[in-house]
Amino acid sequence: MNIQMLDLRGQYRNIKEEVDRAVASVIEEAHFINGSEVDKFASELGLYLDSKHVIPCANGTDALQIALMSLELKPGDEVILPAFTYAATAEVVALLGLVPVLADVSARNFNINPGEIEKVVSEKTRAIMPVHLFGQSASMEPLLEISSKYGLKVIEDNAQAIGAEYSFSGGETKFCGTIGDIGCTSFFPSKNLGCYGDGGAIFSSNPYLGERLRMIANHGQKEKYRHDIVGCNSRLDTIQAAILRIKLANLDKYTAARQQAASVYRELLADVEEITLPYEESYSTHVYHQFTIRCSDRDGLKNHLASKGVPSMVYYPHPIEAQPAFRDIVVKRSSTEVAVKLAKEVLSLPMHTELKYEEQKFIAETIKEFISEKR
């Protein structure tokens, strides 16, 4: 059984004619940078997310950096971020001379724990950067209350949860990435909405920030050769925008396929007490960028799966504080024991839109085989 961690070929086959036609059209038009497909995609994504300003850019990391640049922070200003996340979240903070301050995460949903944020706020804190990890929203309502209390900006790292919806206690719902001051996403090929190269986007409903974000991504200019602020060069290729338009039209279908696969995993693994299945919070839909379980003998399980031809991945094997690049940069004012524990236990199983029941059944049987041998 040829089980894939991610099956982009299978997904492509289902949209091949549309994609090939769109790519050929861009090549024929020969407008490879800032072509009409980029504006069309930005407009369609804005309508989907109900976001007034959508600025496509070169990748998700650029999106985060541009977002921070737009806030006019000064070197030494502090940005609070989760202790359990991909390095890019801390990387962009450090690159701008800002200080990454770690807050511990929830053992239940892996996202930043609002209860830990106030423990690390200082007079230098200027922003909070929650990460909607693995496809589910962070607990945004209490986080927004904290940001309002201390006058902090909120930048959402939404690289893994596009299409996930957050429900407020009053009944209002918003898409992840449109809740804070600025939202950022990645269109890396493996993402739920992925292109066939690199790509990203930034969202905001604030007109002032929307204009600044757009300028920064375009060398700090509103009009050609007039550079009002220091910016950078971060653009989404026209070909990638054309592909993303097709995949955006299929995003709800892709999300439903991932959620169905997650439901199958839950059914097949419900009786395995030795592993912890992903928790679904009542305030957020889960779009399952990853299906991440926890196991005390994670490495043993991973090796057993590999021996049977089943791929799996560890996102992430080291918390931010343990990364050599950040050891002398990050500030830790309270315990990050949950992040440290998660790094030792998390394991992501194959999850994609083309996953078949027979494959999931084999994966579940292989997991049960390992657990049975351990008992």
Protein backbone atom coordinates (compact mmCIF):
# COMPACT_ATOMS: atom_id res chain seq x y z
CA MET A 1 0.00 0.00 0.00
CA ASN A 2 1.60 3.24 -1.19
CA ILE A 3 0.46 5.61 1.55
CA GLN A 4 1.44 9.26 1.13
CA MET A 5 1.84 11.83 3.88
CA LEU A 6 0.53 14.32 1.33
CA ASP A 7 -0.84 13.47 -2.12
CA LEU A 8 -0.48 16.59 -4.27
CA ARG A 9 -0.33 14.51 -7.47
CA GLY A 10 -3.71 12.96 -6.77
CA GLN A 11 -5.23 16.35 -6.00
CA TYR A 12 -3.74 17.82 -9.19
CA ARG A 13 -5.23 15.08 -11.36
CA ASN A 14 -8.72 16.15 -10.32
CA ILE A 15 -8.16 19.76 -11.43
CA LYS A 16 -5.59 19.11 -14.15
CA GLU A 17 -7.50 20.53 -17.10
CA GLU A 18 -8.33 23.76 -15.27
CA VAL A 19 -4.81 24.21 -13.94
CA ASP A 20 -3.11 23.46 -17.25
CA ARG A 21 -5.41 25.86 -19.06
CA ALA A 22 -4.84 28.62 -16.47
CA VAL A 23 -1.05 28.23 -16.55
CA ALA A 24 -1.00 28.21 -20.35
CA SER A 25 -3.10 31.39 -20.37
CA VAL A 26 -0.66 33.22 -18.11
CA ILE A 27 2.28 32.12 -20.22
CA GLU A 28 0.50 33.22 -23.38
CA GLU A 29 -0.27 36.61 -21.82
CA ALA A 30 3.38 36.83 -20.63
CA HIS A 31 2.53 39.04 -17.65
CA PHE A 32 4.36 37.00 -15.04
CA ILE A 33 4.66 39.61 -12.26
CA ASN A 34 1.57 41.42 -10.95
CA GLY A 35 -0.59 40.03 -13.73
CA SER A 36 -4.38 40.28 -13.64
CA GLU A 37 -4.69 36.86 -11.96
CA VAL A 38 -3.03 38.26 -8.83
CA ASP A 39 -5.65 40.98 -8.40
CA LYS A 40 -8.46 38.55 -9.18
CA PHE A 41 -7.20 36.07 -6.62
CA ALA A 42 -6.81 38.78 -3.95
CA SER A 43 -10.35 39.96 -4.61
CA GLU A 44 -11.81 36.44 -4.47
CA LEU A 45 -9.91 35.56 -1.30
CA GLY A 46 -11.10 38.81 0.29
CA LEU A 47 -14.71 37.91 -0.55
CA TYR A 48 -14.25 34.38 0.83
CA LEU A 49 -12.76 35.59 4.11
CA ASP A 50 -14.77 38.83 4.33
CA SER A 51 -11.53 40.79 4.60
CA LYS A 52 -11.33 44.29 3.12
CA HIS A 53 -7.61 44.25 2.39
CA VAL A 54 -5.82 41.18 1.01
CA ILE A 55 -2.20 41.65 -0.01
CA PRO A 56 -0.63 38.65 -1.79
CA CYS A 57 3.10 38.22 -1.18
CA ALA A 58 5.96 35.82 -1.84
CA ASN A 59 5.56 33.44 1.12
CA GLY A 60 4.16 33.05 4.60
CA THR A 61 7.34 34.16 6.35
CA ASP A 62 7.39 37.39 4.36
CA ALA A 63 3.75 37.88 5.34
CA LEU A 64 4.67 37.77 9.03
CA GLN A 65 7.65 40.09 8.58
CA ILE A 66 5.68 42.63 6.55
CA ALA A 67 2.92 42.54 9.18
CA LEU A 68 5.41 43.38 11.92
CA MET A 69 7.03 46.10 9.81
CA SER A 70 3.65 47.77 9.29
CA LEU A 71 3.21 48.27 13.04
CA GLU A 72 6.23 50.62 13.25
CA LEU A 73 7.74 48.76 16.19
CA LYS A 74 11.15 49.75 17.51
CA PRO A 75 14.16 47.52 18.26
CA GLY A 76 13.79 46.08 21.73
CA ASP A 77 9.98 46.04 21.61
CA GLU A 78 8.55 42.70 22.68
CA VAL A 79 6.24 40.36 20.79
CA ILE A 80 4.55 37.48 22.63
CA LEU A 81 4.33 34.21 20.72
CA PRO A 82 3.63 30.55 21.53
CA ALA A 83 6.50 28.42 22.77
CA PHE A 84 5.37 25.61 20.47
CA THR A 85 5.41 26.70 16.83
CA TYR A 86 7.48 26.66 13.66
CA ALA A 87 10.69 28.69 13.75
CA ALA A 88 9.41 31.31 11.27
CA THR A 89 7.16 32.84 13.94
CA ALA A 90 10.14 33.70 16.14
CA GLU A 91 12.49 34.25 13.21
CA VAL A 92 10.72 37.31 11.81
CA VAL A 93 10.55 38.90 15.25
CA ALA A 94 14.29 38.46 15.75
CA LEU A 95 15.16 39.64 12.22
CA LEU A 96 13.57 43.02 12.94
CA GLY A 97 15.49 43.50 16.18
CA LEU A 98 12.39 42.80 18.25
CA VAL A 99 12.30 40.46 21.24
CA PRO A 100 10.37 37.17 21.06
CA VAL A 101 8.72 36.45 24.40
CA LEU A 102 7.44 32.92 24.89
CA ALA A 103 4.08 31.99 26.37
CA ASP A 104 3.16 28.38 27.04
CA VAL A 105 0.49 26.59 25.05
CA SER A 106 -2.58 24.50 25.78
CA ALA A 107 -2.03 20.75 26.10
CA ARG A 108 -5.52 20.32 24.68
CA ASN A 109 -5.28 22.23 21.39
CA PHE A 110 -1.53 23.05 21.10
CA ASN A 111 -2.26 26.79 20.68
CA ILE A 112 -1.11 29.70 22.83
CA ASN A 113 -2.77 29.62 26.24
CA PRO A 114 -4.41 32.99 27.02
CA GLY A 115 -3.95 32.27 30.70
CA GLU A 116 -0.19 32.28 30.17
CA ILE A 117 -0.04 35.53 28.21
CA GLU A 118 -0.55 37.95 31.10
CA LYS A 119 2.26 36.21 32.98
CA VAL A 120 4.77 37.43 30.38
CA VAL A 121 3.44 40.90 29.49
CA SER A 122 5.84 43.75 30.32
CA GLU A 123 6.04 47.49 29.73
CA LYS A 124 7.92 46.69 26.50
CA THR A 125 5.24 44.39 25.07
CA ARG A 126 3.73 45.73 21.87
CA ALA A 127 2.08 42.77 20.12
CA ILE A 128 0.84 39.20 20.44
CA MET A 129 1.30 36.69 17.63
CA PRO A 130 -1.04 33.71 18.09
CA VAL A 131 -0.56 30.73 15.77
CA HIS A 132 -3.60 28.73 14.70
CA LEU A 133 -1.71 25.45 14.79
CA PHE A 134 -2.61 22.31 12.80
CA GLY A 135 -5.92 23.76 11.53
CA GLN A 136 -7.76 25.01 14.62
CA SER A 137 -8.09 28.53 16.00
CA ALA A 138 -6.35 29.75 19.08
CA SER A 139 -8.68 30.98 21.84
CA MET A 140 -9.09 34.45 20.39
CA GLU A 141 -11.80 36.07 22.51
CA PRO A 142 -9.84 36.08 25.79
CA LEU A 143 -6.68 36.90 23.83
CA LEU A 144 -8.38 39.99 22.36
CA GLU A 145 -9.48 41.04 25.84
CA ILE A 146 -5.86 40.89 26.98
CA SER A 147 -4.66 42.84 23.93
CA SER A 148 -7.28 45.52 24.60
CA LYS A 149 -6.36 45.72 28.28
CA TYR A 150 -2.68 46.34 27.53
CA GLY A 151 -3.04 48.19 24.20
CA LEU A 152 -1.36 45.44 22.16
CA LYS A 153 -1.63 44.65 18.46
CA VAL A 154 -2.58 41.13 17.35
CA ILE A 155 -0.99 39.44 14.33
CA GLU A 156 -2.48 36.03 13.51
CA ASP A 157 -0.16 33.40 12.05
CA ASN A 158 -2.79 31.57 10.03
CA ALA A 159 -0.51 29.50 7.80
CA GLN A 160 -2.22 26.27 8.87
CA ALA A 161 -5.87 27.15 9.42
CA ILE A 162 -7.25 28.97 6.39
CA GLY A 163 -10.99 28.35 6.23
CA ALA A 164 -11.32 27.63 9.96
CA GLU A 165 -14.01 29.70 11.68
CA TYR A 166 -13.98 31.13 15.20
CA SER A 167 -17.25 31.58 17.12
CA PHE A 168 -17.48 34.38 19.68
CA SER A 169 -19.60 34.02 22.79
CA GLY A 170 -22.10 36.53 21.38
CA GLY A 171 -22.71 34.38 18.31
CA GLU A 172 -20.54 36.23 15.77
CA THR A 173 -18.24 34.10 13.64
CA LYS A 174 -15.08 35.12 11.81
CA PHE A 175 -12.52 33.28 9.74
CA CYS A 176 -9.12 32.72 11.31
CA GLY A 177 -6.77 35.41 10.04
CA THR A 178 -9.47 38.10 10.10
CA ILE A 179 -9.92 38.40 13.87
CA GLY A 180 -6.89 40.41 14.97
CA ASP A 181 -5.33 43.55 13.52
CA ILE A 182 -3.48 41.61 10.82
CA GLY A 183 -3.67 38.03 9.58
CA CYS A 184 -0.99 36.15 7.65
CA THR A 185 -1.08 32.94 5.68
CA SER A 186 1.13 30.71 3.55
CA PHE A 187 0.37 29.04 0.23
CA PHE A 188 3.25 26.57 0.51
CA PRO A 189 2.24 23.47 -1.52
CA SER A 190 1.42 21.37 1.54
CA LYS A 191 -1.03 23.90 3.01
CA ASN A 192 -4.79 23.44 2.83
CA LEU A 193 -4.81 26.15 0.17
CA GLY A 194 -1.44 25.59 -1.47
CA CYS A 195 0.08 26.67 -4.76
CA TYR A 196 2.77 24.91 -6.83
CA GLY A 197 5.63 26.97 -5.50
CA ASP A 198 5.88 29.60 -2.78
CA GLY A 199 3.25 32.15 -1.91
CA GLY A 200 1.55 33.97 0.93
CA ALA A 201 -0.91 36.70 1.80
CA ILE A 202 -1.66 39.30 4.46
CA PHE A 203 -5.15 40.38 5.59
CA SER A 204 -6.50 43.40 7.42
CA SER A 205 -9.77 45.27 7.73
CA ASN A 206 -7.95 48.41 8.92
CA PRO A 207 -7.54 50.83 5.97
CA TYR A 208 -4.39 52.44 7.40
CA LEU A 209 -2.70 49.09 7.95
CA GLY A 210 -3.99 47.81 4.62
CA GLU A 211 -2.27 50.65 2.80
CA ARG A 212 0.98 50.26 4.75
CA LEU A 213 1.05 46.48 4.18
CA ARG A 214 0.57 46.96 0.45
CA MET A 215 3.30 49.59 0.29
CA ILE A 216 5.82 47.59 2.32
CA ALA A 217 5.36 44.53 0.12
CA ASN A 218 6.06 46.74 -2.91
CA HIS A 219 9.32 48.50 -1.98
CA GLY A 220 7.49 51.03 0.20
CA GLN A 221 5.76 52.73 -2.73
CA LYS A 222 2.21 53.67 -3.68
CA GLU A 223 3.23 55.05 -7.03
CA LYS A 224 6.17 53.87 -9.10
CA TYR A 225 9.54 55.33 -8.14
CA ARG A 226 8.15 57.21 -5.13
CA HIS A 227 9.25 55.34 -2.01
CA ASP A 228 7.56 56.80 1.05
CA ILE A 229 8.63 54.13 3.55
CA VAL A 230 11.26 51.42 3.68
CA GLY A 231 9.75 48.25 2.29
CA CYS A 232 10.75 45.01 0.65
CA ASN A 233 10.08 43.08 -2.54
CA SER A 234 7.53 40.34 -1.89
CA ARG A 235 5.22 39.32 -4.72
CA LEU A 236 2.98 36.39 -5.56
CA ASP A 237 3.75 35.05 -9.06
CA THR A 238 0.94 35.40 -11.57
CA ILE A 239 1.08 31.68 -12.39
CA GLN A 240 0.71 30.79 -8.71
CA ALA A 241 -2.23 33.20 -8.37
CA ALA A 242 -3.95 31.53 -11.32
CA ILE A 243 -3.52 28.12 -9.68
CA LEU A 244 -4.71 29.42 -6.33
CA ARG A 245 -7.91 30.80 -7.88
CA ILE A 246 -8.82 27.27 -8.96
CA LYS A 247 -7.93 25.75 -5.61
CA LEU A 248 -9.77 28.48 -3.68
CA ALA A 249 -12.94 27.50 -5.55
CA ASN A 250 -12.38 23.96 -4.23
CA LEU A 251 -11.32 24.91 -0.69
CA ASP A 252 -14.61 24.06 1.01
CA LYS A 253 -14.59 20.66 -0.70
CA TYR A 254 -10.98 20.10 0.36
CA THR A 255 -11.84 21.07 3.94
CA ALA A 256 -14.77 18.65 4.00
CA ALA A 257 -12.50 15.85 2.75
CA ARG A 258 -9.98 16.53 5.51
CA GLN A 259 -12.70 16.65 8.15
CA GLN A 260 -14.12 13.36 6.89
CA ALA A 261 -10.66 11.77 7.07
CA ALA A 262 -10.31 13.06 10.63
CA SER A 263 -13.68 11.53 11.51
CA VAL A 264 -12.52 8.17 10.16
CA TYR A 265 -9.32 8.32 12.22
CA ARG A 266 -11.37 9.11 15.32
CA GLU A 267 -13.65 6.14 14.72
CA LEU A 268 -10.80 3.72 14.03
CA LEU A 269 -8.64 4.87 16.96
CA ALA A 270 -11.35 5.61 19.54
CA ASP A 271 -10.49 2.60 21.70
CA VAL A 272 -6.71 3.16 21.82
CA GLU A 273 -6.20 4.64 25.28
CA GLU A 274 -2.44 4.99 24.88
CA ILE A 275 -2.74 7.77 22.32
CA THR A 276 -4.45 11.15 22.60
CA LEU A 277 -6.51 12.23 19.60
CA PRO A 278 -6.78 15.89 18.52
CA TYR A 279 -9.22 17.87 20.63
CA GLU A 280 -11.91 19.85 18.80
CA GLU A 281 -12.74 23.07 20.62
CA SER A 282 -16.38 24.22 20.63
CA TYR A 283 -15.37 27.75 19.59
CA SER A 284 -13.53 26.73 16.42
CA THR A 285 -14.03 24.55 13.41
CA HIS A 286 -11.02 22.36 12.65
CA VAL A 287 -9.77 22.21 9.05
CA TYR A 288 -7.15 19.55 9.85
CA HIS A 289 -4.00 20.80 8.22
CA GLN A 290 -2.55 18.00 10.30
CA PHE A 291 -4.07 15.14 12.26
CA THR A 292 -1.73 15.22 15.24
CA ILE A 293 -1.91 12.63 17.99
CA ARG A 294 0.09 12.34 21.20
CA CYS A 295 1.90 9.22 22.38
CA SER A 296 4.31 8.80 25.30
CA ASP A 297 6.50 6.57 23.12
CA ARG A 298 6.23 8.79 20.07
CA ASP A 299 9.56 7.82 18.53
CA GLY A 300 8.86 4.12 18.96
CA LEU A 301 5.49 4.50 17.27
CA LYS A 302 6.97 6.56 14.44
CA ASN A 303 9.63 3.91 13.80
CA HIS A 304 7.04 1.13 13.85
CA LEU A 305 4.85 2.97 11.35
CA ALA A 306 7.87 3.53 9.08
CA SER A 307 8.73 -0.18 9.21
CA LYS A 308 5.28 -0.90 7.78
CA GLY A 309 5.55 1.74 5.06
CA VAL A 310 3.42 4.33 6.84
CA PRO A 311 4.83 7.88 6.77
CA SER A 312 4.42 10.24 9.72
CA MET A 313 5.92 13.56 10.73
CA VAL A 314 6.88 15.32 13.94
CA TYR A 315 5.73 18.96 14.02
CA TYR A 316 7.79 20.07 15.95
CA PRO A 317 10.54 18.04 17.65
CA HIS A 318 12.00 21.03 19.54
CA PRO A 319 10.26 23.93 21.25
CA ILE A 320 11.45 27.40 20.22
CA GLU A 321 13.52 27.86 23.37
CA ALA A 322 15.58 24.74 22.51
CA GLN A 323 16.50 25.92 19.02
CA PRO A 324 20.19 26.99 18.92
CA ALA A 325 19.34 30.10 16.88
CA PHE A 326 16.96 31.42 19.54
CA ARG A 327 18.45 30.32 22.84
CA ASP A 328 20.06 33.70 23.48
CA ILE A 329 17.28 35.74 21.87
CA VAL A 330 13.96 34.59 23.29
CA VAL A 331 12.72 35.71 26.68
CA LYS A 332 10.99 33.20 28.95
CA ARG A 333 9.32 34.65 32.04
CA SER A 334 7.24 31.63 33.01
CA SER A 335 7.23 27.89 32.56
CA THR A 336 6.83 26.43 29.08
CA GLU A 337 6.49 22.87 30.33
CA VAL A 338 3.53 22.05 28.10
CA ALA A 339 5.45 23.04 24.95
CA VAL A 340 8.42 20.95 26.07
CA LYS A 341 6.18 17.94 26.71
CA LEU A 342 4.35 18.28 23.39
CA ALA A 343 7.62 18.34 21.48
CA LYS A 344 8.34 14.87 22.87
CA GLU A 345 4.90 13.39 22.19
CA VAL A 346 3.29 14.82 19.05
CA LEU A 347 3.05 12.79 15.86
CA SER A 348 1.17 13.77 12.70
CA LEU A 349 -0.44 11.01 10.64
CA PRO A 350 -1.07 11.17 6.88
CA MET A 351 -3.71 13.80 6.17
CA HIS A 352 -4.78 15.07 2.76
CA THR A 353 -7.76 15.39 0.46
CA GLU A 354 -7.15 12.11 -1.37
CA LEU A 355 -6.80 9.86 1.69
CA LYS A 356 -8.67 6.56 1.29
CA TYR A 357 -10.51 4.60 3.98
CA GLU A 358 -8.43 1.47 3.29
CA GLU A 359 -5.25 3.47 3.89
CA GLN A 360 -6.56 4.89 7.14
CA LYS A 361 -7.67 1.45 8.28
CA PHE A 362 -4.16 0.09 7.65
CA ILE A 363 -2.63 3.04 9.53
CA ALA A 364 -4.95 2.46 12.50
CA GLU A 365 -4.23 -1.28 12.52
CA THR A 366 -0.49 -0.58 12.47
CA ILE A 367 -0.84 1.79 15.43
CA LYS A 368 -2.87 -0.79 17.34
CA GLU A 369 -0.27 -3.44 16.54
CA PHE A 370 2.44 -1.28 18.12
CA ILE A 371 0.33 -0.54 21.20
CA SER A 372 -0.55 -4.22 21.60
CA GLU A 373 3.11 -5.19 21.52
CA LYS A 374 3.87 -2.56 24.19
CA ARG A 375 1.20 -3.73 26.61
